[in-house]
N, C-alpha and C. Protein backbone atom coordinates (compact mmCIF):
# COMPACT_ATOMS: atom_id res chain seq x y z
N MET A 1 0.84 -1.19 -0.02
CA MET A 1 -0.02 0.00 -0.01
C MET A 1 0.91 1.22 0.01
N ARG A 2 0.49 2.23 -0.78
CA ARG A 2 1.23 3.45 -0.91
C ARG A 2 0.42 4.71 -0.49
N ASN A 3 -0.87 4.65 -0.56
CA ASN A 3 -1.70 5.83 -0.30
C ASN A 3 -2.56 5.62 0.97
N PHE A 4 -2.39 6.49 1.96
CA PHE A 4 -3.07 6.40 3.19
C PHE A 4 -3.89 7.60 3.50
N ALA A 5 -4.95 7.41 4.27
CA ALA A 5 -5.74 8.50 4.83
C ALA A 5 -5.73 8.36 6.34
N ILE A 6 -5.46 9.42 7.04
CA ILE A 6 -5.53 9.42 8.46
C ILE A 6 -6.68 10.32 8.92
N ILE A 7 -7.72 9.63 9.48
CA ILE A 7 -8.94 10.38 9.87
C ILE A 7 -8.92 10.60 11.36
N GLY A 8 -8.54 11.85 11.77
CA GLY A 8 -8.47 12.14 13.20
C GLY A 8 -7.07 12.06 13.69
N LEU A 9 -6.65 13.06 14.42
CA LEU A 9 -5.28 13.13 14.98
C LEU A 9 -5.23 13.02 16.47
N GLY A 10 -5.63 11.89 16.95
CA GLY A 10 -5.39 11.56 18.37
C GLY A 10 -3.89 11.13 18.39
N GLN A 11 -3.48 10.61 19.58
CA GLN A 11 -2.09 10.19 19.71
C GLN A 11 -1.70 9.07 18.71
N PHE A 12 -2.59 8.14 18.53
CA PHE A 12 -2.38 7.07 17.62
C PHE A 12 -2.25 7.59 16.18
N GLY A 13 -3.21 8.50 15.83
CA GLY A 13 -3.22 9.09 14.47
C GLY A 13 -1.95 9.84 14.22
N LYS A 14 -1.49 10.64 15.21
CA LYS A 14 -0.32 11.42 15.03
C LYS A 14 0.92 10.52 14.86
N CYS A 15 0.99 9.41 15.63
CA CYS A 15 2.10 8.53 15.48
C CYS A 15 2.12 7.90 14.09
N MET A 16 0.94 7.57 13.55
CA MET A 16 0.87 7.01 12.20
C MET A 16 1.30 8.03 11.17
N VAL A 17 0.94 9.30 11.36
CA VAL A 17 1.34 10.30 10.39
C VAL A 17 2.87 10.45 10.37
N GLU A 18 3.46 10.48 11.52
CA GLU A 18 4.95 10.59 11.62
C GLU A 18 5.66 9.37 11.05
N THR A 19 5.08 8.20 11.35
CA THR A 19 5.73 6.99 10.86
C THR A 19 5.62 6.84 9.35
N LEU A 20 4.45 7.08 8.79
CA LEU A 20 4.22 7.03 7.34
C LEU A 20 5.06 8.07 6.61
N HIS A 21 5.14 9.24 7.18
CA HIS A 21 5.98 10.31 6.58
C HIS A 21 7.42 9.87 6.55
N GLY A 22 7.90 9.30 7.68
CA GLY A 22 9.30 8.84 7.74
C GLY A 22 9.63 7.74 6.73
N ARG A 23 8.60 6.98 6.26
CA ARG A 23 8.81 5.93 5.35
C ARG A 23 8.48 6.29 3.87
N GLY A 24 8.17 7.60 3.73
CA GLY A 24 7.96 8.11 2.34
C GLY A 24 6.61 7.86 1.73
N PHE A 25 5.57 7.56 2.53
CA PHE A 25 4.30 7.24 1.94
C PHE A 25 3.46 8.50 1.78
N ASP A 26 2.59 8.44 0.79
CA ASP A 26 1.64 9.52 0.54
C ASP A 26 0.47 9.47 1.60
N THR A 27 0.16 10.59 2.26
CA THR A 27 -0.86 10.58 3.27
C THR A 27 -1.78 11.75 3.10
N LEU A 28 -3.05 11.44 3.30
CA LEU A 28 -4.07 12.46 3.39
C LEU A 28 -4.53 12.50 4.85
N VAL A 29 -4.53 13.70 5.46
CA VAL A 29 -4.96 13.88 6.83
C VAL A 29 -6.25 14.72 6.90
N ILE A 30 -7.18 14.21 7.67
CA ILE A 30 -8.50 14.94 7.82
C ILE A 30 -8.73 15.09 9.30
N ASP A 31 -8.93 16.31 9.71
CA ASP A 31 -9.27 16.55 11.13
C ASP A 31 -10.04 17.92 11.23
N VAL A 32 -10.91 18.02 12.24
CA VAL A 32 -11.67 19.25 12.36
C VAL A 32 -10.97 20.29 13.20
N ASP A 33 -9.92 19.90 13.93
CA ASP A 33 -9.19 20.80 14.82
C ASP A 33 -8.13 21.56 14.08
N GLU A 34 -8.20 22.88 14.10
CA GLU A 34 -7.23 23.70 13.34
C GLU A 34 -5.84 23.52 13.83
N ALA A 35 -5.59 23.45 15.11
CA ALA A 35 -4.26 23.26 15.64
C ALA A 35 -3.66 21.95 15.19
N LYS A 36 -4.45 20.91 15.15
CA LYS A 36 -3.91 19.58 14.74
C LYS A 36 -3.63 19.62 13.21
N VAL A 37 -4.51 20.28 12.45
CA VAL A 37 -4.32 20.44 11.03
C VAL A 37 -2.98 21.18 10.71
N GLN A 38 -2.73 22.19 11.41
CA GLN A 38 -1.49 22.95 11.25
C GLN A 38 -0.28 22.07 11.57
N TRP A 39 -0.42 21.30 12.61
CA TRP A 39 0.73 20.39 13.04
C TRP A 39 1.07 19.39 11.91
N ALA A 40 0.10 18.94 11.21
CA ALA A 40 0.28 17.90 10.19
C ALA A 40 0.77 18.44 8.84
N ARG A 41 0.75 19.74 8.66
CA ARG A 41 1.03 20.29 7.29
C ARG A 41 2.37 19.95 6.78
N ASP A 42 3.40 19.86 7.62
CA ASP A 42 4.77 19.61 7.13
C ASP A 42 5.03 18.09 7.04
N LEU A 43 4.10 17.24 7.48
CA LEU A 43 4.31 15.83 7.49
C LEU A 43 3.46 15.03 6.47
N ALA A 44 2.31 15.58 6.10
CA ALA A 44 1.37 14.86 5.24
C ALA A 44 1.42 15.39 3.84
N THR A 45 1.06 14.60 2.85
CA THR A 45 0.93 15.04 1.49
C THR A 45 -0.14 16.07 1.28
N LYS A 46 -1.32 15.83 1.95
CA LYS A 46 -2.38 16.73 1.88
C LYS A 46 -3.08 16.74 3.23
N VAL A 47 -3.42 17.95 3.72
CA VAL A 47 -4.09 18.08 5.02
C VAL A 47 -5.38 18.92 4.81
N VAL A 48 -6.47 18.41 5.31
CA VAL A 48 -7.74 19.10 5.10
C VAL A 48 -8.47 19.21 6.47
N LYS A 49 -8.92 20.47 6.79
CA LYS A 49 -9.78 20.65 7.93
C LYS A 49 -11.22 20.35 7.51
N ALA A 50 -11.75 19.32 8.10
CA ALA A 50 -13.12 18.87 7.66
C ALA A 50 -13.74 18.04 8.73
N ASP A 51 -15.08 17.98 8.75
CA ASP A 51 -15.83 17.18 9.63
C ASP A 51 -16.12 15.88 8.86
N VAL A 52 -15.77 14.79 9.59
CA VAL A 52 -15.94 13.44 8.94
C VAL A 52 -17.40 13.12 8.69
N LEU A 53 -18.30 13.82 9.38
CA LEU A 53 -19.75 13.54 9.15
C LEU A 53 -20.28 14.25 7.92
N ASP A 54 -19.47 15.10 7.26
CA ASP A 54 -19.87 15.71 6.01
C ASP A 54 -19.58 14.75 4.89
N PHE A 55 -20.50 13.78 4.64
CA PHE A 55 -20.23 12.72 3.74
C PHE A 55 -19.89 13.15 2.28
N PRO A 56 -20.59 14.12 1.68
CA PRO A 56 -20.20 14.50 0.33
C PRO A 56 -18.74 15.00 0.23
N LEU A 57 -18.30 15.78 1.23
CA LEU A 57 -16.94 16.26 1.23
C LEU A 57 -15.97 15.08 1.51
N PHE A 58 -16.40 14.27 2.47
CA PHE A 58 -15.62 13.01 2.82
C PHE A 58 -15.39 12.15 1.54
N GLU A 59 -16.48 11.98 0.72
CA GLU A 59 -16.40 11.20 -0.43
C GLU A 59 -15.46 11.79 -1.42
N GLU A 60 -15.54 13.13 -1.57
CA GLU A 60 -14.67 13.85 -2.53
C GLU A 60 -13.21 13.70 -2.14
N LEU A 61 -12.88 13.79 -0.80
CA LEU A 61 -11.51 13.74 -0.41
C LEU A 61 -10.94 12.28 -0.53
N ILE A 62 -11.69 11.33 -0.14
CA ILE A 62 -11.20 9.93 -0.19
C ILE A 62 -11.07 9.41 -1.62
N GLY A 63 -12.07 9.70 -2.43
CA GLY A 63 -12.00 9.30 -3.87
C GLY A 63 -11.80 7.78 -3.95
N ASP A 64 -11.08 7.35 -5.03
CA ASP A 64 -10.82 5.97 -5.23
C ASP A 64 -9.31 5.67 -5.20
N GLN A 65 -8.54 6.57 -4.62
CA GLN A 65 -7.07 6.41 -4.60
C GLN A 65 -6.57 5.89 -3.25
N ILE A 66 -7.35 6.00 -2.22
CA ILE A 66 -6.92 5.60 -0.91
C ILE A 66 -6.96 4.09 -0.76
N GLU A 67 -5.88 3.51 -0.45
CA GLU A 67 -5.77 2.04 -0.22
C GLU A 67 -5.95 1.62 1.22
N CYS A 68 -5.66 2.56 2.11
CA CYS A 68 -5.84 2.20 3.56
C CYS A 68 -6.20 3.50 4.31
N ALA A 69 -7.22 3.41 5.14
CA ALA A 69 -7.64 4.54 5.99
C ALA A 69 -7.49 4.17 7.46
N ILE A 70 -6.94 5.03 8.21
CA ILE A 70 -6.70 4.82 9.66
C ILE A 70 -7.50 5.87 10.45
N VAL A 71 -8.43 5.41 11.27
CA VAL A 71 -9.37 6.29 12.02
C VAL A 71 -8.95 6.36 13.48
N ASP A 72 -8.72 7.57 13.95
CA ASP A 72 -8.45 7.79 15.37
C ASP A 72 -9.21 9.06 15.82
N LEU A 73 -10.43 8.83 16.29
CA LEU A 73 -11.26 9.96 16.73
C LEU A 73 -11.43 9.90 18.27
N GLY A 74 -10.43 9.33 18.93
CA GLY A 74 -10.51 9.34 20.37
C GLY A 74 -11.70 8.62 20.92
N ASP A 75 -12.30 9.24 21.93
CA ASP A 75 -13.49 8.69 22.58
C ASP A 75 -14.81 9.05 21.89
N GLN A 76 -14.73 9.60 20.72
CA GLN A 76 -15.93 9.95 19.89
C GLN A 76 -16.42 8.71 19.19
N MET A 77 -17.01 7.81 19.91
CA MET A 77 -17.34 6.47 19.36
C MET A 77 -18.31 6.58 18.19
N GLU A 78 -19.33 7.37 18.30
CA GLU A 78 -20.36 7.51 17.26
C GLU A 78 -19.74 7.97 15.96
N ARG A 79 -18.85 8.98 16.08
CA ARG A 79 -18.17 9.52 14.91
C ARG A 79 -17.22 8.48 14.19
N SER A 80 -16.51 7.72 15.04
CA SER A 80 -15.62 6.79 14.47
C SER A 80 -16.38 5.60 13.81
N ILE A 81 -17.55 5.28 14.36
CA ILE A 81 -18.37 4.22 13.74
C ILE A 81 -18.89 4.74 12.38
N LEU A 82 -19.37 6.00 12.36
CA LEU A 82 -19.84 6.56 11.07
C LEU A 82 -18.75 6.67 10.09
N ALA A 83 -17.53 7.08 10.55
CA ALA A 83 -16.45 7.25 9.62
C ALA A 83 -16.03 5.88 9.00
N ALA A 84 -16.03 4.85 9.84
CA ALA A 84 -15.72 3.47 9.32
C ALA A 84 -16.77 3.05 8.31
N ASN A 85 -18.04 3.34 8.59
CA ASN A 85 -19.11 3.00 7.66
C ASN A 85 -19.01 3.72 6.35
N TYR A 86 -18.67 5.04 6.42
CA TYR A 86 -18.49 5.79 5.20
C TYR A 86 -17.34 5.22 4.38
N LEU A 87 -16.24 4.88 5.02
CA LEU A 87 -15.08 4.32 4.26
C LEU A 87 -15.47 3.00 3.61
N HIS A 88 -16.26 2.23 4.35
CA HIS A 88 -16.66 0.91 3.80
C HIS A 88 -17.57 1.18 2.55
N LYS A 89 -18.51 2.17 2.65
CA LYS A 89 -19.35 2.48 1.46
C LYS A 89 -18.49 2.98 0.28
N LEU A 90 -17.35 3.59 0.62
CA LEU A 90 -16.50 4.08 -0.52
C LEU A 90 -15.54 3.02 -1.00
N HIS A 91 -15.68 1.82 -0.48
CA HIS A 91 -14.89 0.66 -0.99
C HIS A 91 -13.41 0.78 -0.66
N VAL A 92 -13.09 1.39 0.43
CA VAL A 92 -11.68 1.36 0.95
C VAL A 92 -11.40 -0.04 1.47
N GLN A 93 -10.40 -0.67 0.95
CA GLN A 93 -10.17 -2.09 1.24
C GLN A 93 -9.66 -2.30 2.67
N ASN A 94 -8.84 -1.36 3.14
CA ASN A 94 -8.19 -1.59 4.49
C ASN A 94 -8.64 -0.39 5.40
N ILE A 95 -9.43 -0.71 6.41
CA ILE A 95 -10.02 0.29 7.29
C ILE A 95 -9.49 -0.08 8.69
N VAL A 96 -8.61 0.69 9.27
CA VAL A 96 -8.04 0.47 10.54
C VAL A 96 -8.64 1.48 11.53
N VAL A 97 -9.22 1.05 12.64
CA VAL A 97 -9.92 1.94 13.52
C VAL A 97 -9.46 1.71 14.99
N GLU A 98 -9.16 2.80 15.68
CA GLU A 98 -8.87 2.65 17.12
C GLU A 98 -10.14 2.51 17.89
N ALA A 99 -10.20 1.49 18.73
CA ALA A 99 -11.44 1.32 19.55
C ALA A 99 -11.16 1.64 21.00
N THR A 100 -12.16 2.01 21.70
CA THR A 100 -12.11 2.36 23.10
C THR A 100 -12.43 1.22 24.03
N ASN A 101 -13.21 0.30 23.57
CA ASN A 101 -13.56 -0.89 24.37
C ASN A 101 -14.11 -1.97 23.48
N VAL A 102 -14.39 -3.13 24.04
CA VAL A 102 -14.76 -4.29 23.23
C VAL A 102 -16.11 -4.08 22.49
N ALA A 103 -17.10 -3.47 23.12
CA ALA A 103 -18.36 -3.23 22.49
C ALA A 103 -18.20 -2.29 21.29
N HIS A 104 -17.36 -1.28 21.43
CA HIS A 104 -17.04 -0.33 20.33
C HIS A 104 -16.40 -1.14 19.20
N ALA A 105 -15.45 -2.04 19.53
CA ALA A 105 -14.81 -2.83 18.52
C ALA A 105 -15.79 -3.71 17.75
N GLU A 106 -16.73 -4.31 18.43
CA GLU A 106 -17.67 -5.20 17.81
C GLU A 106 -18.55 -4.41 16.80
N ILE A 107 -18.95 -3.23 17.12
CA ILE A 107 -19.75 -2.39 16.20
C ILE A 107 -18.96 -1.96 15.06
N LEU A 108 -17.65 -1.60 15.27
CA LEU A 108 -16.78 -1.19 14.16
C LEU A 108 -16.63 -2.31 13.17
N GLU A 109 -16.51 -3.53 13.66
CA GLU A 109 -16.34 -4.63 12.79
C GLU A 109 -17.61 -4.83 11.93
N ILE A 110 -18.76 -4.65 12.55
CA ILE A 110 -20.05 -4.82 11.85
C ILE A 110 -20.21 -3.86 10.70
N VAL A 111 -19.77 -2.56 10.94
CA VAL A 111 -19.97 -1.52 9.95
C VAL A 111 -18.86 -1.48 8.84
N GLY A 112 -17.80 -2.37 8.97
CA GLY A 112 -16.90 -2.43 7.90
C GLY A 112 -15.44 -2.32 8.23
N ALA A 113 -15.09 -2.05 9.48
CA ALA A 113 -13.65 -1.98 9.82
C ALA A 113 -12.95 -3.30 9.58
N THR A 114 -11.79 -3.29 8.94
CA THR A 114 -11.11 -4.50 8.67
C THR A 114 -10.08 -4.86 9.74
N ARG A 115 -9.72 -3.86 10.52
CA ARG A 115 -8.76 -4.16 11.62
C ARG A 115 -9.05 -3.17 12.74
N ILE A 116 -9.15 -3.73 13.94
CA ILE A 116 -9.44 -2.97 15.18
C ILE A 116 -8.17 -2.90 15.99
N VAL A 117 -7.82 -1.78 16.53
CA VAL A 117 -6.58 -1.64 17.30
C VAL A 117 -6.88 -1.07 18.69
N PHE A 118 -6.18 -1.51 19.65
CA PHE A 118 -6.21 -0.98 21.02
C PHE A 118 -4.73 -0.57 21.28
N PRO A 119 -4.24 0.58 20.83
CA PRO A 119 -2.79 0.95 20.89
C PRO A 119 -2.19 0.79 22.27
N GLU A 120 -2.88 1.28 23.30
CA GLU A 120 -2.33 1.33 24.66
C GLU A 120 -2.17 -0.16 25.14
N LYS A 121 -3.18 -0.92 24.91
CA LYS A 121 -3.17 -2.40 25.34
C LYS A 121 -2.10 -3.14 24.60
N GLU A 122 -1.99 -2.89 23.27
CA GLU A 122 -0.97 -3.62 22.44
C GLU A 122 0.40 -3.22 22.87
N ALA A 123 0.64 -1.91 23.19
CA ALA A 123 1.93 -1.45 23.62
C ALA A 123 2.28 -2.08 24.97
N ALA A 124 1.29 -2.21 25.85
CA ALA A 124 1.54 -2.80 27.17
C ALA A 124 1.90 -4.23 27.08
N VAL A 125 1.20 -4.95 26.17
CA VAL A 125 1.51 -6.45 25.96
C VAL A 125 2.93 -6.60 25.42
N ARG A 126 3.30 -5.74 24.41
CA ARG A 126 4.63 -5.84 23.93
C ARG A 126 5.69 -5.52 24.90
N LEU A 127 5.46 -4.48 25.72
CA LEU A 127 6.47 -4.09 26.76
C LEU A 127 6.57 -5.17 27.77
N ALA A 128 5.43 -5.71 28.20
CA ALA A 128 5.46 -6.81 29.21
C ALA A 128 6.23 -7.97 28.65
N GLY A 129 6.15 -8.27 27.38
CA GLY A 129 6.87 -9.36 26.76
C GLY A 129 8.38 -9.10 26.78
N LEU A 130 8.76 -7.86 26.62
CA LEU A 130 10.21 -7.47 26.64
C LEU A 130 10.70 -7.59 28.11
N LEU A 131 9.95 -7.05 29.06
CA LEU A 131 10.40 -6.99 30.44
C LEU A 131 10.45 -8.41 31.12
N ALA A 132 9.58 -9.29 30.62
CA ALA A 132 9.46 -10.59 31.19
C ALA A 132 10.55 -11.54 30.65
N GLY A 133 11.14 -11.18 29.50
CA GLY A 133 12.09 -12.09 28.89
C GLY A 133 13.52 -11.54 28.98
N ARG A 134 14.39 -12.24 29.71
CA ARG A 134 15.74 -11.80 29.88
C ARG A 134 16.50 -11.88 28.52
N GLY A 135 17.10 -10.70 28.20
CA GLY A 135 17.95 -10.65 26.97
C GLY A 135 17.16 -10.37 25.67
N ARG A 136 15.84 -10.24 25.80
CA ARG A 136 15.02 -9.97 24.57
C ARG A 136 15.31 -8.60 24.03
N LEU A 137 15.49 -8.46 22.71
CA LEU A 137 15.72 -7.21 22.13
C LEU A 137 14.40 -6.58 21.61
N ASP A 138 13.52 -7.49 21.20
CA ASP A 138 12.13 -6.99 20.82
C ASP A 138 11.20 -8.19 20.94
N TYR A 139 9.88 -7.82 21.00
CA TYR A 139 8.89 -8.86 21.20
C TYR A 139 7.65 -8.44 20.39
N PHE A 140 7.13 -9.44 19.62
CA PHE A 140 5.97 -9.14 18.74
C PHE A 140 4.84 -10.18 19.00
N PRO A 141 3.84 -9.85 19.83
CA PRO A 141 2.76 -10.80 19.97
C PRO A 141 1.88 -10.75 18.71
N VAL A 142 1.67 -11.94 18.12
CA VAL A 142 0.90 -12.09 16.87
C VAL A 142 -0.52 -12.37 17.17
N GLY A 143 -0.81 -13.10 18.24
CA GLY A 143 -2.17 -13.45 18.56
C GLY A 143 -2.35 -14.97 18.66
N ASN A 144 -3.42 -15.40 19.35
CA ASN A 144 -3.71 -16.80 19.50
C ASN A 144 -2.53 -17.60 20.05
N GLY A 145 -1.85 -17.03 21.00
CA GLY A 145 -0.75 -17.69 21.67
C GLY A 145 0.52 -17.85 20.87
N PHE A 146 0.64 -17.04 19.83
CA PHE A 146 1.83 -17.16 18.94
C PHE A 146 2.56 -15.81 18.98
N SER A 147 3.92 -15.82 18.99
CA SER A 147 4.71 -14.60 19.08
C SER A 147 5.99 -14.74 18.30
N LEU A 148 6.59 -13.61 18.07
CA LEU A 148 7.99 -13.47 17.50
C LEU A 148 8.87 -12.81 18.49
N VAL A 149 10.05 -13.26 18.70
CA VAL A 149 10.99 -12.72 19.66
C VAL A 149 12.35 -12.52 19.00
N GLU A 150 12.91 -11.36 19.27
CA GLU A 150 14.23 -11.08 18.76
C GLU A 150 15.24 -11.12 19.89
N ILE A 151 16.27 -11.95 19.80
CA ILE A 151 17.25 -12.19 20.85
C ILE A 151 18.64 -12.17 20.33
N PRO A 152 19.60 -11.79 21.14
CA PRO A 152 21.02 -11.97 20.67
C PRO A 152 21.37 -13.46 20.73
N SER A 153 22.26 -13.90 19.86
CA SER A 153 22.59 -15.26 19.80
C SER A 153 23.16 -15.79 21.21
N PRO A 154 22.43 -16.69 21.83
CA PRO A 154 22.95 -17.19 23.14
C PRO A 154 24.36 -17.78 23.05
N PRO A 155 25.21 -17.61 24.07
CA PRO A 155 26.54 -18.15 24.05
C PRO A 155 26.66 -19.61 23.69
N THR A 156 25.64 -20.39 24.13
CA THR A 156 25.66 -21.83 23.94
C THR A 156 25.38 -22.17 22.43
N TRP A 157 24.86 -21.20 21.71
CA TRP A 157 24.54 -21.47 20.32
C TRP A 157 25.69 -21.07 19.41
N VAL A 158 26.62 -20.21 19.85
CA VAL A 158 27.67 -19.69 19.06
C VAL A 158 28.60 -20.87 18.56
N GLY A 159 28.93 -20.81 17.27
CA GLY A 159 29.78 -21.88 16.74
C GLY A 159 29.00 -23.13 16.27
N THR A 160 27.69 -23.06 16.43
CA THR A 160 26.80 -24.14 16.04
C THR A 160 25.93 -23.76 14.88
N THR A 161 25.66 -24.68 14.01
CA THR A 161 24.72 -24.35 12.81
C THR A 161 23.28 -24.48 13.32
N LEU A 162 22.39 -23.86 12.65
CA LEU A 162 20.98 -23.86 13.00
C LEU A 162 20.48 -25.37 12.85
N ALA A 163 20.97 -26.04 11.88
CA ALA A 163 20.58 -27.45 11.72
C ALA A 163 21.03 -28.34 12.89
N GLU A 164 22.22 -28.06 13.45
CA GLU A 164 22.68 -28.75 14.61
C GLU A 164 21.88 -28.43 15.82
N LEU A 165 21.48 -27.11 15.98
CA LEU A 165 20.65 -26.77 17.10
C LEU A 165 19.33 -27.48 17.17
N ASN A 166 18.74 -27.62 15.96
CA ASN A 166 17.46 -28.35 15.84
C ASN A 166 16.45 -27.84 16.78
N LEU A 167 16.20 -26.51 16.79
CA LEU A 167 15.32 -25.87 17.79
C LEU A 167 13.85 -26.29 17.55
N ARG A 168 13.49 -26.63 16.40
CA ARG A 168 12.09 -27.10 16.16
C ARG A 168 11.78 -28.35 16.93
N LYS A 169 12.74 -29.27 16.97
CA LYS A 169 12.54 -30.55 17.66
C LYS A 169 12.68 -30.35 19.18
N LYS A 170 13.72 -29.59 19.60
CA LYS A 170 14.02 -29.49 21.00
C LYS A 170 13.06 -28.50 21.74
N TYR A 171 12.70 -27.40 21.08
CA TYR A 171 11.88 -26.37 21.77
C TYR A 171 10.60 -26.05 21.07
N ARG A 172 10.31 -26.72 19.92
CA ARG A 172 9.13 -26.38 19.10
C ARG A 172 9.13 -24.92 18.63
N LEU A 173 10.31 -24.45 18.28
CA LEU A 173 10.47 -23.07 17.84
C LEU A 173 11.18 -23.06 16.47
N ASN A 174 10.92 -22.00 15.70
CA ASN A 174 11.58 -21.86 14.38
C ASN A 174 12.35 -20.60 14.34
N VAL A 175 13.55 -20.70 13.76
CA VAL A 175 14.40 -19.50 13.47
C VAL A 175 13.88 -18.96 12.14
N VAL A 176 13.30 -17.72 12.18
CA VAL A 176 12.77 -17.15 11.00
C VAL A 176 13.89 -16.38 10.23
N ALA A 177 14.71 -15.66 10.92
CA ALA A 177 15.77 -14.88 10.27
C ALA A 177 16.93 -14.62 11.19
N VAL A 178 18.04 -14.31 10.61
CA VAL A 178 19.30 -13.95 11.40
C VAL A 178 19.84 -12.61 10.90
N ARG A 179 20.22 -11.78 11.83
CA ARG A 179 20.81 -10.51 11.41
C ARG A 179 22.19 -10.35 12.01
N PRO A 180 23.21 -10.41 11.12
CA PRO A 180 24.62 -10.25 11.64
C PRO A 180 24.92 -8.74 11.85
N ALA A 181 25.93 -8.54 12.72
CA ALA A 181 26.33 -7.14 12.95
C ALA A 181 27.52 -6.86 11.94
N ALA A 182 27.51 -5.60 11.44
CA ALA A 182 28.59 -5.21 10.49
C ALA A 182 29.84 -4.92 11.32
N LYS A 183 30.99 -4.84 10.63
CA LYS A 183 32.24 -4.65 11.25
C LYS A 183 32.34 -3.30 11.97
N ASP A 184 31.59 -2.31 11.51
CA ASP A 184 31.63 -1.02 12.17
C ASP A 184 30.69 -0.88 13.29
N GLY A 185 29.98 -2.01 13.70
CA GLY A 185 29.06 -2.04 14.76
C GLY A 185 27.61 -1.74 14.45
N THR A 186 27.37 -1.34 13.22
CA THR A 186 25.95 -1.06 12.82
C THR A 186 25.27 -2.40 12.51
N ASN A 187 23.93 -2.30 12.48
CA ASN A 187 23.18 -3.53 12.15
C ASN A 187 23.01 -3.69 10.64
N GLN A 188 23.22 -4.92 10.21
CA GLN A 188 22.98 -5.29 8.84
C GLN A 188 21.50 -5.65 8.65
N THR A 189 21.08 -5.92 7.44
CA THR A 189 19.70 -6.30 7.20
C THR A 189 19.52 -7.81 7.59
N TRP A 190 18.21 -8.14 7.83
CA TRP A 190 17.91 -9.48 8.17
C TRP A 190 18.06 -10.38 6.95
N GLY A 191 18.43 -11.62 7.17
CA GLY A 191 18.48 -12.58 6.12
C GLY A 191 17.79 -13.86 6.51
N PHE A 192 17.18 -14.58 5.53
CA PHE A 192 16.45 -15.76 5.85
C PHE A 192 17.41 -16.80 6.53
N ALA A 193 16.87 -17.54 7.47
CA ALA A 193 17.68 -18.49 8.22
C ALA A 193 18.17 -19.63 7.28
N ASP A 194 19.51 -19.79 7.24
CA ASP A 194 20.12 -20.85 6.49
C ASP A 194 20.51 -21.95 7.45
N PRO A 195 19.97 -23.20 7.32
CA PRO A 195 20.20 -24.26 8.30
C PRO A 195 21.73 -24.54 8.48
N GLU A 196 22.50 -24.25 7.43
CA GLU A 196 23.97 -24.59 7.53
C GLU A 196 24.78 -23.40 8.02
N ARG A 197 24.14 -22.32 8.36
CA ARG A 197 24.85 -21.13 8.83
C ARG A 197 25.29 -21.35 10.28
N THR A 198 26.57 -21.06 10.51
CA THR A 198 27.15 -21.11 11.91
C THR A 198 26.92 -19.82 12.63
N LEU A 199 26.32 -19.85 13.73
CA LEU A 199 25.92 -18.59 14.49
C LEU A 199 27.18 -17.96 15.08
N GLN A 200 27.24 -16.69 15.05
CA GLN A 200 28.33 -15.91 15.57
C GLN A 200 27.89 -15.14 16.83
N THR A 201 28.85 -14.68 17.62
CA THR A 201 28.55 -13.95 18.81
C THR A 201 27.71 -12.76 18.60
N THR A 202 27.95 -12.04 17.42
CA THR A 202 27.27 -10.78 17.20
C THR A 202 25.92 -10.96 16.47
N ASP A 203 25.51 -12.17 16.18
CA ASP A 203 24.28 -12.40 15.49
C ASP A 203 23.03 -12.11 16.37
N VAL A 204 22.01 -11.66 15.70
CA VAL A 204 20.71 -11.51 16.36
C VAL A 204 19.71 -12.46 15.66
N VAL A 205 18.95 -13.17 16.48
CA VAL A 205 18.07 -14.27 15.93
C VAL A 205 16.63 -13.85 16.16
N LEU A 206 15.83 -14.08 15.15
CA LEU A 206 14.36 -13.87 15.23
C LEU A 206 13.69 -15.18 15.31
N LEU A 207 13.04 -15.48 16.48
CA LEU A 207 12.38 -16.76 16.70
C LEU A 207 10.91 -16.63 16.63
N ALA A 208 10.24 -17.72 16.21
CA ALA A 208 8.79 -17.75 16.11
C ALA A 208 8.25 -19.00 16.72
N GLY A 209 7.16 -18.91 17.45
CA GLY A 209 6.60 -20.08 18.07
C GLY A 209 5.56 -19.78 19.08
N ASN A 210 5.03 -20.80 19.78
CA ASN A 210 4.13 -20.65 20.83
C ASN A 210 4.68 -19.76 21.94
N THR A 211 3.90 -18.80 22.37
CA THR A 211 4.35 -17.83 23.36
C THR A 211 4.96 -18.48 24.59
N LYS A 212 4.30 -19.56 25.06
CA LYS A 212 4.77 -20.24 26.28
C LYS A 212 6.14 -20.92 26.03
N ASP A 213 6.35 -21.44 24.87
CA ASP A 213 7.60 -22.08 24.50
C ASP A 213 8.73 -21.05 24.42
N LEU A 214 8.41 -19.88 23.85
CA LEU A 214 9.38 -18.82 23.76
C LEU A 214 9.75 -18.32 25.15
N GLU A 215 8.80 -18.22 25.99
CA GLU A 215 9.01 -17.71 27.36
C GLU A 215 9.96 -18.70 28.11
N LYS A 216 9.82 -20.01 27.89
CA LYS A 216 10.66 -20.99 28.55
C LYS A 216 12.12 -20.83 28.09
N LEU A 217 12.30 -20.56 26.81
CA LEU A 217 13.65 -20.45 26.29
C LEU A 217 14.33 -19.14 26.69
N THR A 218 13.62 -18.08 26.82
CA THR A 218 14.21 -16.74 27.00
C THR A 218 14.09 -16.22 28.43
N ARG A 219 13.66 -17.04 29.41
CA ARG A 219 13.64 -16.56 30.80
C ARG A 219 15.05 -16.51 31.35
């Protein structure tokens, strides 16, 4: 996806604007607050001060070029539900909406949202995963008891190939990728896990598997 619309500039919406801008994506920002609109002018491709309940204007702005819309209207549940419904009527394929509670999320899904997010809860889950795991560099809860964990290569793995470690059989875990460190100390790009690759002290390993199995290995 290359073209995004950010509907509402709550904290989540602002973070999305900054992140998408940093990655070079085209973004349309819509908000009714003048101060927020001014804040976004140097970060977004197009910024419009508008009320999302003005459907004709909303339809004109969204058009058929937006591939993904992200809605963050804070605690204005009725407005976020209507915005999600409008986006669905305009055939936007990816509609991401911040929800305030479970009931709100259920209604959003009914009216057409394709992904519901609880940013604070998701951030807390990720941070808890980092704090609970000794030596973890990053933690990505995927859902349904499955996670990804980024760890430095354990000392007992160094000098051993991934095939010899046989993590799938021993721990029911898979090595998804390995990232070596460059000679100048900077991080190199991730590479797919090669079974015959011998792990080095400076390697970082991305593991995937059942969350409980990952926790056993990284405690």
